[in-house]
Amino acid sequence: MTVVRYTRPDGTEQSLLVPVIRGRFGPPASYVRLLGFDGASTLTASQAVPVTSDSSWAAARVAASVGAALNEATREAWRQVREVLVDEGLRAVVDRGLR
């Protein structure tokens, strides 16, 4: 999982969780919508870290992150994250976001 942080034009910071999995061909890639991102925005991304069964994030952050997925590979990565999580509440948030 990678954390992407960026600023919107109004100066507020947005933070998204971006799951990264290996594709069948080529390097891993995930595509997300960065709402409010523009040429004046700053952007940072963390080093990817493994998701474990005890990984925990705020439900609102997970909902925004799942909703930002732009392609089927990223949505599939979220399905794989969901299978690892033991927190039923977060699993439900992922399920709702993927509908």
Protein backbone atom coordinates (compact mmCIF):
# COMPACT_ATOMS: atom_id res chain seq x y z
CA MET A 1 0.00 0.00 0.00
CA THR A 2 1.22 3.46 -0.87
CA VAL A 3 -0.05 6.73 0.60
CA VAL A 4 -0.43 9.59 -1.88
CA ARG A 5 -0.77 13.09 -0.43
CA TYR A 6 -1.53 16.20 -2.44
CA THR A 7 -2.82 19.72 -1.94
CA ARG A 8 -5.91 21.14 -3.57
CA PRO A 9 -6.05 24.69 -4.95
CA ASP A 10 -7.69 25.87 -1.70
CA GLY A 11 -4.67 24.60 0.26
CA THR A 12 -6.37 21.60 1.87
CA GLU A 13 -4.45 18.34 1.90
CA GLN A 14 -5.92 15.14 0.53
CA SER A 15 -4.53 11.72 1.42
CA LEU A 16 -5.35 8.53 -0.47
CA LEU A 17 -4.39 4.91 0.08
CA VAL A 18 -3.30 3.33 -3.19
CA PRO A 19 -2.93 -0.46 -3.34
CA VAL A 20 -0.15 -1.61 -5.65
CA ILE A 21 0.01 -5.18 -6.92
CA ARG A 22 2.15 -6.82 -9.52
CA GLY A 23 0.53 -7.05 -12.91
CA ARG A 24 0.91 -10.07 -15.13
CA PHE A 25 3.13 -8.00 -17.43
CA GLY A 26 5.33 -5.04 -16.65
CA PRO A 27 5.74 -3.14 -13.40
CA PRO A 28 2.95 -2.74 -10.85
CA ALA A 29 0.60 0.13 -11.60
CA SER A 30 -2.48 1.63 -10.00
CA TYR A 31 -4.47 4.56 -11.33
CA VAL A 32 -6.44 6.90 -9.09
CA ARG A 33 -8.39 10.12 -9.55
CA LEU A 34 -6.83 13.03 -7.66
CA LEU A 35 -9.83 15.31 -7.21
CA GLY A 36 -8.80 18.96 -7.15
CA PHE A 37 -5.22 18.29 -8.24
CA ASP A 38 -3.82 20.93 -10.59
CA GLY A 39 -0.52 22.40 -11.74
CA ALA A 40 -0.06 24.32 -8.49
CA SER A 41 -0.63 21.24 -6.32
CA THR A 42 2.13 19.46 -4.45
CA LEU A 43 2.28 15.68 -4.51
CA THR A 44 4.11 13.07 -2.44
CA ALA A 45 3.90 9.29 -2.37
CA SER A 46 5.21 6.96 0.31
CA GLN A 47 7.21 3.84 -0.23
CA ALA A 48 4.88 0.86 -0.70
CA VAL A 49 4.43 -1.34 2.37
CA PRO A 50 2.69 -4.73 2.66
CA VAL A 51 -0.90 -4.91 3.84
CA THR A 52 -1.33 -7.26 6.79
CA SER A 53 -4.38 -8.65 8.54
CA ASP A 54 -4.01 -6.07 11.31
CA SER A 55 -3.71 -3.08 8.93
CA SER A 56 -6.12 -0.38 10.02
CA TRP A 57 -7.15 2.94 8.51
CA ALA A 58 -9.98 5.40 9.04
CA ALA A 59 -13.14 4.26 7.26
CA ALA A 60 -13.58 7.65 5.54
CA ARG A 61 -10.04 7.47 4.17
CA VAL A 62 -10.63 3.95 2.81
CA ALA A 63 -13.96 5.00 1.25
CA ALA A 64 -12.35 7.98 -0.52
CA SER A 65 -9.44 5.83 -1.64
CA VAL A 66 -11.54 3.00 -3.07
CA GLY A 67 -13.76 5.57 -4.79
CA ALA A 68 -10.70 7.13 -6.45
CA ALA A 69 -9.77 3.90 -8.28
CA LEU A 70 -9.79 4.54 -12.03
CA ASN A 71 -9.17 1.16 -13.59
CA GLU A 72 -10.01 -2.48 -13.06
CA ALA A 73 -6.46 -3.34 -11.97
CA THR A 74 -6.72 -0.87 -9.08
CA ARG A 75 -10.18 -2.15 -8.17
CA GLU A 76 -8.79 -5.71 -8.20
CA ALA A 77 -5.98 -4.57 -5.92
CA TRP A 78 -8.64 -3.31 -3.49
CA ARG A 79 -10.38 -6.70 -3.65
CA GLN A 80 -7.08 -8.35 -2.70
CA VAL A 81 -6.59 -5.88 0.17
CA ARG A 82 -10.12 -6.65 1.37
CA GLU A 83 -9.32 -10.37 1.56
CA VAL A 84 -6.35 -9.71 3.86
CA LEU A 85 -8.18 -7.44 6.32
CA VAL A 86 -9.80 -8.92 9.42
CA ASP A 87 -11.64 -5.71 10.36
CA GLU A 88 -15.19 -6.44 9.16
CA GLY A 89 -16.04 -2.72 9.17
CA LEU A 90 -13.22 -1.91 6.75
CA ARG A 91 -14.10 -4.91 4.60
CA ALA A 92 -17.65 -3.54 4.33
CA VAL A 93 -16.31 -0.09 3.37
CA VAL A 94 -14.25 -1.65 0.56
CA ASP A 95 -17.27 -3.67 -0.61
CA ARG A 96 -19.46 -0.55 -0.76
CA GLY A 97 -16.79 1.36 -2.64
CA LEU A 98 -16.45 -1.37 -5.26
CA ARG A 99 -20.17 -1.51 -6.07
